[in-house]
Structure formats: C-alpha cells, structure tokens
PDB file of N, CA and C in Angstrom:
ATOM      1  N   UNK A   1      64.396 -38.681 -42.598  1.00  0.00           N
ATOM      2  CA  UNK A   1      64.257 -38.073 -41.292  1.00  0.00           C
ATOM      3  C   UNK A   1      62.842 -37.582 -41.030  1.00  0.00           C
ATOM      4  N   UNK A   2      62.024 -37.511 -42.081  1.00  0.00           N
ATOM      5  CA  UNK A   2      60.656 -37.090 -41.867  1.00  0.00           C
ATOM      6  C   UNK A   2      59.717 -37.835 -42.795  1.00  0.00           C
ATOM      7  N   UNK A   3      58.462 -37.829 -42.419  1.00  0.00           N
ATOM      8  CA  UNK A   3      57.436 -38.460 -43.233  1.00  0.00           C
ATOM      9  C   UNK A   3      56.197 -37.573 -43.227  1.00  0.00           C
ATOM     10  N   UNK A   4      55.366 -37.756 -44.204  1.00  0.00           N
ATOM     11  CA  UNK A   4      54.143 -36.976 -44.313  1.00  0.00           C
ATOM     12  C   UNK A   4      52.947 -37.916 -44.291  1.00  0.00           C
ATOM     13  N   UNK A   5      52.007 -37.631 -43.423  1.00  0.00           N
ATOM     14  CA  UNK A   5      50.749 -38.367 -43.364  1.00  0.00           C
ATOM     15  C   UNK A   5      49.723 -37.542 -44.139  1.00  0.00           C
ATOM     16  N   UNK A   6      49.209 -38.112 -45.208  1.00  0.00           N
ATOM     17  CA  UNK A   6      48.195 -37.445 -46.006  1.00  0.00           C
ATOM     18  C   UNK A   6      46.837 -38.087 -45.770  1.00  0.00           C
ATOM     19  N   UNK A   7      45.789 -37.272 -45.732  1.00  0.00           N
ATOM     20  CA  UNK A   7      44.448 -37.810 -45.493  1.00  0.00           C
ATOM     21  C   UNK A   7      43.399 -36.886 -46.111  1.00  0.00           C
ATOM     22  N   UNK A   8      42.282 -37.489 -46.473  1.00  0.00           N
ATOM     23  CA  UNK A   8      41.157 -36.762 -47.068  1.00  0.00           C
ATOM     24  C   UNK A   8      40.033 -36.636 -46.040  1.00  0.00           C
ATOM     25  N   UNK A   9      39.406 -35.490 -46.024  1.00  0.00           N
ATOM     26  CA  UNK A   9      38.246 -35.280 -45.165  1.00  0.00           C
ATOM     27  C   UNK A   9      37.041 -34.914 -46.028  1.00  0.00           C
ATOM     28  N   UNK A  10      35.872 -35.498 -45.740  1.00  0.00           N
ATOM     29  CA  UNK A  10      34.674 -35.185 -46.524  1.00  0.00           C
ATOM     30  C   UNK A  10      34.105 -33.802 -46.206  1.00  0.00           C
ATOM     31  N   UNK A  11      34.525 -33.230 -45.056  1.00  0.00           N
ATOM     32  CA  UNK A  11      34.063 -31.901 -44.647  1.00  0.00           C
ATOM     33  C   UNK A  11      35.070 -31.321 -43.658  1.00  0.00           C
ATOM     34  N   UNK A  12      35.002 -30.015 -43.415  1.00  0.00           N
ATOM     35  CA  UNK A  12      35.853 -29.404 -42.392  1.00  0.00           C
ATOM     36  C   UNK A  12      35.592 -30.112 -41.070  1.00  0.00           C
ATOM     37  N   UNK A  13      36.671 -30.390 -40.326  1.00  0.00           N
ATOM     38  CA  UNK A  13      36.471 -31.112 -39.070  1.00  0.00           C
ATOM     39  C   UNK A  13      37.656 -30.947 -38.140  1.00  0.00           C
ATOM     40  N   UNK A  14      37.364 -30.963 -36.839  1.00  0.00           N
ATOM     41  CA  UNK A  14      38.425 -31.074 -35.848  1.00  0.00           C
ATOM     42  C   UNK A  14      38.918 -32.512 -35.929  1.00  0.00           C
ATOM     43  N   UNK A  15      40.215 -32.679 -36.075  1.00  0.00           N
ATOM     44  CA  UNK A  15      40.794 -34.001 -36.338  1.00  0.00           C
ATOM     45  C   UNK A  15      41.916 -34.285 -35.357  1.00  0.00           C
ATOM     46  N   UNK A  16      41.906 -35.493 -34.801  1.00  0.00           N
ATOM     47  CA  UNK A  16      42.978 -35.928 -33.922  1.00  0.00           C
ATOM     48  C   UNK A  16      43.803 -36.986 -34.652  1.00  0.00           C
ATOM     49  N   UNK A  17      45.107 -36.760 -34.719  1.00  0.00           N
ATOM     50  CA  UNK A  17      46.024 -37.725 -35.327  1.00  0.00           C
ATOM     51  C   UNK A  17      46.913 -38.256 -34.215  1.00  0.00           C
ATOM     52  N   UNK A  18      46.891 -39.570 -34.028  1.00  0.00           N
ATOM     53  CA  UNK A  18      47.645 -40.227 -32.975  1.00  0.00           C
ATOM     54  C   UNK A  18      48.621 -41.214 -33.601  1.00  0.00           C
ATOM     55  N   UNK A  19      49.875 -41.151 -33.179  1.00  0.00           N
ATOM     56  CA  UNK A  19      50.894 -42.111 -33.622  1.00  0.00           C
ATOM     57  C   UNK A  19      51.246 -42.970 -32.415  1.00  0.00           C
ATOM     58  N   UNK A  20      51.225 -44.290 -32.607  1.00  0.00           N
ATOM     59  CA  UNK A  20      51.525 -45.191 -31.496  1.00  0.00           C
ATOM     60  C   UNK A  20      52.334 -46.377 -31.978  1.00  0.00           C
ATOM     61  N   UNK A  21      53.001 -47.050 -31.034  1.00  0.00           N
ATOM     62  CA  UNK A  21      53.821 -48.216 -31.380  1.00  0.00           C
ATOM     63  C   UNK A  21      52.991 -49.492 -31.291  1.00  0.00           C
ATOM     64  N   UNK A  22      53.613 -50.634 -31.568  1.00  0.00           N
ATOM     65  CA  UNK A  22      52.876 -51.902 -31.612  1.00  0.00           C
ATOM     66  C   UNK A  22      52.296 -52.293 -30.259  1.00  0.00           C
ATOM     67  N   UNK A  23      52.854 -51.768 -29.166  1.00  0.00           N
ATOM     68  CA  UNK A  23      52.312 -52.090 -27.843  1.00  0.00           C
ATOM     69  C   UNK A  23      51.163 -51.154 -27.457  1.00  0.00           C
ATOM     70  N   UNK A  24      50.877 -50.147 -28.314  1.00  0.00           N
ATOM     71  CA  UNK A  24      49.787 -49.221 -28.040  1.00  0.00           C
ATOM     72  C   UNK A  24      50.212 -47.956 -27.328  1.00  0.00           C
ATOM     73  N   UNK A  25      51.496 -47.810 -27.058  1.00  0.00           N
ATOM     74  CA  UNK A  25      52.005 -46.617 -26.377  1.00  0.00           C
ATOM     75  C   UNK A  25      51.921 -45.421 -27.329  1.00  0.00           C
ATOM     76  N   UNK A  26      51.290 -44.358 -26.882  1.00  0.00           N
ATOM     77  CA  UNK A  26      51.130 -43.154 -27.704  1.00  0.00           C
ATOM     78  C   UNK A  26      52.457 -42.407 -27.761  1.00  0.00           C
ATOM     79  N   UNK A  27      52.938 -42.161 -28.990  1.00  0.00           N
ATOM     80  CA  UNK A  27      54.192 -41.457 -29.200  1.00  0.00           C
ATOM     81  C   UNK A  27      53.969 -39.980 -29.500  1.00  0.00           C
ATOM     82  N   UNK A  28      52.842 -39.681 -30.116  1.00  0.00           N
ATOM     83  CA  UNK A  28      52.540 -38.300 -30.490  1.00  0.00           C
ATOM     84  C   UNK A  28      51.049 -38.170 -30.745  1.00  0.00           C
ATOM     85  N   UNK A  29      50.515 -37.010 -30.389  1.00  0.00           N
ATOM     86  CA  UNK A  29      49.102 -36.762 -30.646  1.00  0.00           C
ATOM     87  C   UNK A  29      48.941 -35.294 -31.058  1.00  0.00           C
ATOM     88  N   UNK A  30      48.255 -35.079 -32.173  1.00  0.00           N
ATOM     89  CA  UNK A  30      48.023 -33.739 -32.698  1.00  0.00           C
ATOM     90  C   UNK A  30      46.522 -33.556 -32.873  1.00  0.00           C
ATOM     91  N   UNK A  31      46.000 -32.478 -32.336  1.00  0.00           N
ATOM     92  CA  UNK A  31      44.586 -32.164 -32.466  1.00  0.00           C
ATOM     93  C   UNK A  31      44.500 -30.811 -33.154  1.00  0.00           C
ATOM     94  N   UNK A  32      43.839 -30.766 -34.328  1.00  0.00           N
ATOM     95  CA  UNK A  32      43.810 -29.538 -35.105  1.00  0.00           C
ATOM     96  C   UNK A  32      42.548 -29.497 -35.964  1.00  0.00           C
ATOM     97  N   UNK A  33      42.192 -28.314 -36.418  1.00  0.00           N
ATOM     98  CA  UNK A  33      41.089 -28.159 -37.370  1.00  0.00           C
ATOM     99  C   UNK A  33      41.657 -28.266 -38.778  1.00  0.00           C
ATOM    100  N   UNK A  34      41.073 -29.130 -39.595  1.00  0.00           N
ATOM    101  CA  UNK A  34      41.510 -29.314 -40.975  1.00  0.00           C
ATOM    102  C   UNK A  34      40.340 -29.057 -41.913  1.00  0.00           C
ATOM    103  N   UNK A  35      40.676 -28.675 -43.141  1.00  0.00           N
ATOM    104  CA  UNK A  35      39.671 -28.334 -44.142  1.00  0.00           C
ATOM    105  C   UNK A  35      39.207 -29.557 -44.916  1.00  0.00           C
ATOM    106  N   UNK A  36      38.051 -29.420 -45.541  1.00  0.00           N
ATOM    107  CA  UNK A  36      37.529 -30.447 -46.439  1.00  0.00           C
ATOM    108  C   UNK A  36      38.547 -30.687 -47.549  1.00  0.00           C
ATOM    109  N   UNK A  37      38.721 -31.957 -47.919  1.00  0.00           N
ATOM    110  CA  UNK A  37      39.650 -32.308 -48.991  1.00  0.00           C
ATOM    111  C   UNK A  37      40.938 -32.897 -48.452  1.00  0.00           C
ATOM    112  N   UNK A  38      42.000 -32.746 -49.232  1.00  0.00           N
ATOM    113  CA  UNK A  38      43.285 -33.364 -48.891  1.00  0.00           C
ATOM    114  C   UNK A  38      44.050 -32.501 -47.893  1.00  0.00           C
ATOM    115  N   UNK A  39      44.591 -33.141 -46.866  1.00  0.00           N
ATOM    116  CA  UNK A  39      45.393 -32.483 -45.833  1.00  0.00           C
ATOM    117  C   UNK A  39      46.652 -33.300 -45.589  1.00  0.00           C
ATOM    118  N   UNK A  40      47.670 -32.658 -45.023  1.00  0.00           N
ATOM    119  CA  UNK A  40      48.922 -33.338 -44.706  1.00  0.00           C
ATOM    120  C   UNK A  40      49.422 -32.910 -43.333  1.00  0.00           C
ATOM    121  N   UNK A  41      50.097 -33.842 -42.667  1.00  0.00           N
ATOM    122  CA  UNK A  41      50.820 -33.575 -41.427  1.00  0.00           C
ATOM    123  C   UNK A  41      52.217 -34.142 -41.606  1.00  0.00           C
ATOM    124  N   UNK A  42      53.246 -33.306 -41.471  1.00  0.00           N
ATOM    125  CA  UNK A  42      54.626 -33.759 -41.610  1.00  0.00           C
ATOM    126  C   UNK A  42      55.199 -34.013 -40.229  1.00  0.00           C
ATOM    127  N   UNK A  43      55.776 -35.209 -40.056  1.00  0.00           N
ATOM    128  CA  UNK A  43      56.380 -35.608 -38.788  1.00  0.00           C
ATOM    129  C   UNK A  43      57.869 -35.794 -38.961  1.00  0.00           C
ATOM    130  N   UNK A  44      58.620 -35.358 -37.977  1.00  0.00           N
ATOM    131  CA  UNK A  44      60.060 -35.563 -37.952  1.00  0.00           C
ATOM    132  C   UNK A  44      60.350 -36.777 -37.069  1.00  0.00           C
ATOM    133  N   UNK A  45      61.291 -37.608 -37.483  1.00  0.00           N
ATOM    134  CA  UNK A  45      61.611 -38.833 -36.741  1.00  0.00           C
ATOM    135  C   UNK A  45      62.005 -38.528 -35.302  1.00  0.00           C
ATOM    136  N   UNK A  46      62.664 -37.412 -35.065  1.00  0.00           N
ATOM    137  CA  UNK A  46      63.094 -37.074 -33.704  1.00  0.00           C
ATOM    138  C   UNK A  46      61.903 -36.779 -32.788  1.00  0.00           C
ATOM    139  N   UNK A  47      60.750 -36.395 -33.343  1.00  0.00           N
ATOM    140  CA  UNK A  47      59.550 -36.137 -32.540  1.00  0.00           C
ATOM    141  C   UNK A  47      58.970 -37.421 -31.965  1.00  0.00           C
ATOM    142  N   UNK A  48      59.200 -38.544 -32.637  1.00  0.00           N
ATOM    143  CA  UNK A  48      58.544 -39.794 -32.254  1.00  0.00           C
ATOM    144  C   UNK A  48      59.330 -40.593 -31.224  1.00  0.00           C
ATOM    145  N   UNK A  49      60.650 -40.529 -31.267  1.00  0.00           N
ATOM    146  CA  UNK A  49      61.460 -41.220 -30.274  1.00  0.00           C
ATOM    147  C   UNK A  49      61.393 -42.730 -30.337  1.00  0.00           C
ATOM    148  N   UNK A  50      60.967 -43.284 -31.455  1.00  0.00           N
ATOM    149  CA  UNK A  50      60.869 -44.730 -31.605  1.00  0.00           C
ATOM    150  C   UNK A  50      61.070 -45.069 -33.071  1.00  0.00           C
ATOM    151  N   UNK A  51      61.414 -46.317 -33.337  1.00  0.00           N
ATOM    152  CA  UNK A  51      61.539 -46.752 -34.725  1.00  0.00           C
ATOM    153  C   UNK A  51      60.897 -48.126 -34.873  1.00  0.00           C
ATOM    154  N   UNK A  52      60.810 -48.593 -36.113  1.00  0.00           N
ATOM    155  CA  UNK A  52      60.173 -49.872 -36.382  1.00  0.00           C
ATOM    156  C   UNK A  52      58.782 -49.657 -36.952  1.00  0.00           C
ATOM    157  N   UNK A  53      57.902 -50.599 -36.701  1.00  0.00           N
ATOM    158  CA  UNK A  53      56.525 -50.496 -37.189  1.00  0.00           C
ATOM    159  C   UNK A  53      55.727 -49.622 -36.229  1.00  0.00           C
ATOM    160  N   UNK A  54      55.145 -48.574 -36.782  1.00  0.00           N
ATOM    161  CA  UNK A  54      54.301 -47.669 -36.012  1.00  0.00           C
ATOM    162  C   UNK A  54      52.938 -47.589 -36.678  1.00  0.00           C
ATOM    163  N   UNK A  55      51.956 -47.196 -35.935  1.00  0.00           N
ATOM    164  CA  UNK A  55      50.605 -47.026 -36.449  1.00  0.00           C
ATOM    165  C   UNK A  55      50.176 -45.585 -36.238  1.00  0.00           C
ATOM    166  N   UNK A  56      49.300 -45.114 -37.114  1.00  0.00           N
ATOM    167  CA  UNK A  56      48.705 -43.806 -36.891  1.00  0.00           C
ATOM    168  C   UNK A  56      47.206 -43.891 -37.149  1.00  0.00           C
ATOM    169  N   UNK A  57      46.504 -43.106 -36.373  1.00  0.00           N
ATOM    170  CA  UNK A  57      45.045 -43.074 -36.455  1.00  0.00           C
ATOM    171  C   UNK A  57      44.615 -41.634 -36.727  1.00  0.00           C
ATOM    172  N   UNK A  58      43.775 -41.461 -37.722  1.00  0.00           N
ATOM    173  CA  UNK A  58      43.188 -40.165 -38.050  1.00  0.00           C
ATOM    174  C   UNK A  58      41.717 -40.253 -37.661  1.00  0.00           C
ATOM    175  N   UNK A  59      41.311 -39.401 -36.717  1.00  0.00           N
ATOM    176  CA  UNK A  59      39.974 -39.540 -36.144  1.00  0.00           C
ATOM    177  C   UNK A  59      39.245 -38.195 -36.122  1.00  0.00           C
ATOM    178  N   UNK A  60      38.011 -38.206 -36.633  1.00  0.00           N
ATOM    179  CA  UNK A  60      37.112 -37.066 -36.504  1.00  0.00           C
ATOM    180  C   UNK A  60      35.909 -37.532 -35.690  1.00  0.00           C
ATOM    181  N   UNK A  61      34.945 -36.652 -35.503  1.00  0.00           N
ATOM    182  CA  UNK A  61      33.771 -37.066 -34.729  1.00  0.00           C
ATOM    183  C   UNK A  61      32.903 -38.067 -35.482  1.00  0.00           C
ATOM    184  N   UNK A  62      33.132 -38.233 -36.815  1.00  0.00           N
ATOM    185  CA  UNK A  62      32.320 -39.167 -37.593  1.00  0.00           C
ATOM    186  C   UNK A  62      33.096 -40.343 -38.178  1.00  0.00           C
ATOM    187  N   UNK A  63      34.406 -40.215 -38.346  1.00  0.00           N
ATOM    188  CA  UNK A  63      35.194 -41.250 -39.026  1.00  0.00           C
ATOM    189  C   UNK A  63      36.509 -41.504 -38.306  1.00  0.00           C
ATOM    190  N   UNK A  64      36.993 -42.734 -38.457  1.00  0.00           N
ATOM    191  CA  UNK A  64      38.304 -43.112 -37.938  1.00  0.00           C
ATOM    192  C   UNK A  64      38.991 -43.993 -38.968  1.00  0.00           C
ATOM    193  N   UNK A  65      40.275 -43.705 -39.211  1.00  0.00           N
ATOM    194  CA  UNK A  65      41.073 -44.535 -40.120  1.00  0.00           C
ATOM    195  C   UNK A  65      42.413 -44.797 -39.451  1.00  0.00           C
ATOM    196  N   UNK A  66      42.866 -46.045 -39.522  1.00  0.00           N
ATOM    197  CA  UNK A  66      44.146 -46.434 -38.941  1.00  0.00           C
ATOM    198  C   UNK A  66      45.003 -47.056 -40.029  1.00  0.00           C
ATOM    199  N   UNK A  67      46.285 -46.714 -40.005  1.00  0.00           N
ATOM    200  CA  UNK A  67      47.218 -47.266 -40.978  1.00  0.00           C
ATOM    201  C   UNK A  67      48.565 -47.477 -40.286  1.00  0.00           C
ATOM    202  N   UNK A  68      49.475 -48.129 -40.981  1.00  0.00           N
ATOM    203  CA  UNK A  68      50.781 -48.362 -40.372  1.00  0.00           C
ATOM    204  C   UNK A  68      51.874 -47.763 -41.245  1.00  0.00           C
ATOM    205  N   UNK A  69      53.010 -47.544 -40.608  1.00  0.00           N
ATOM    206  CA  UNK A  69      54.184 -47.042 -41.306  1.00  0.00           C
ATOM    207  C   UNK A  69      55.416 -47.662 -40.680  1.00  0.00           C
ATOM    208  N   UNK A  70      56.493 -47.657 -41.401  1.00  0.00           N
ATOM    209  CA  UNK A  70      57.756 -48.182 -40.899  1.00  0.00           C
ATOM    210  C   UNK A  70      58.718 -47.016 -40.799  1.00  0.00           C
ATOM    211  N   UNK A  71      59.259 -46.815 -39.601  1.00  0.00           N
ATOM    212  CA  UNK A  71      60.211 -45.740 -39.369  1.00  0.00           C
ATOM    213  C   UNK A  71      61.600 -46.343 -39.204  1.00  0.00           C
ATOM    214  N   UNK A  72      62.496 -45.992 -40.101  1.00  0.00           N
ATOM    215  CA  UNK A  72      63.873 -46.455 -40.041  1.00  0.00           C
ATOM    216  C   UNK A  72      64.764 -45.326 -39.548  1.00  0.00           C
ATOM    217  N   UNK A  73      65.651 -45.660 -38.633  1.00  0.00           N
ATOM    218  CA  UNK A  73      66.592 -44.650 -38.137  1.00  0.00           C
ATOM    219  C   UNK A  73      67.981 -45.016 -38.550  1.00  0.00           C
TER     220      UNK A  73
END
C-alpha cells in the first residue's frame, strides 16, 4: 500500500519530487527542503490514484534524476 523513494543529495537543497504516469500526467508533486545525504519520501498508493508503471523525478536547482516504479493495486 505504500512505497518509499530514497535519494541522495550532495548538499542541502530545495527539492521537487514529481510522480507522473506514462502519458506525462502529474499525479503528485512535493516541494521540500532536504538535507545533504540520504533522504526518503514515503508515498501511499491512495495518494497517487493510479496504478501500473509510474515515473518519478527528483529535481534540485543543480541535478535531476528520473526513475520508474510499478504500482500494483
């Protein structure tokens, strides 16, 4: 029912995490300040309202990383 997105930051940074489906529709967006090092964001399946292959993007003012996940309901 939930998943955790883990990510590393080289320095403290304001970070935007966006979850979207294969068509590019944004399902969720979180903007927060995170610390240098390892960070986590826990998502509940009910927050996303979609299942199947989803993508998430972790973006700071200097770096962007995109990955995919599979959400089963």
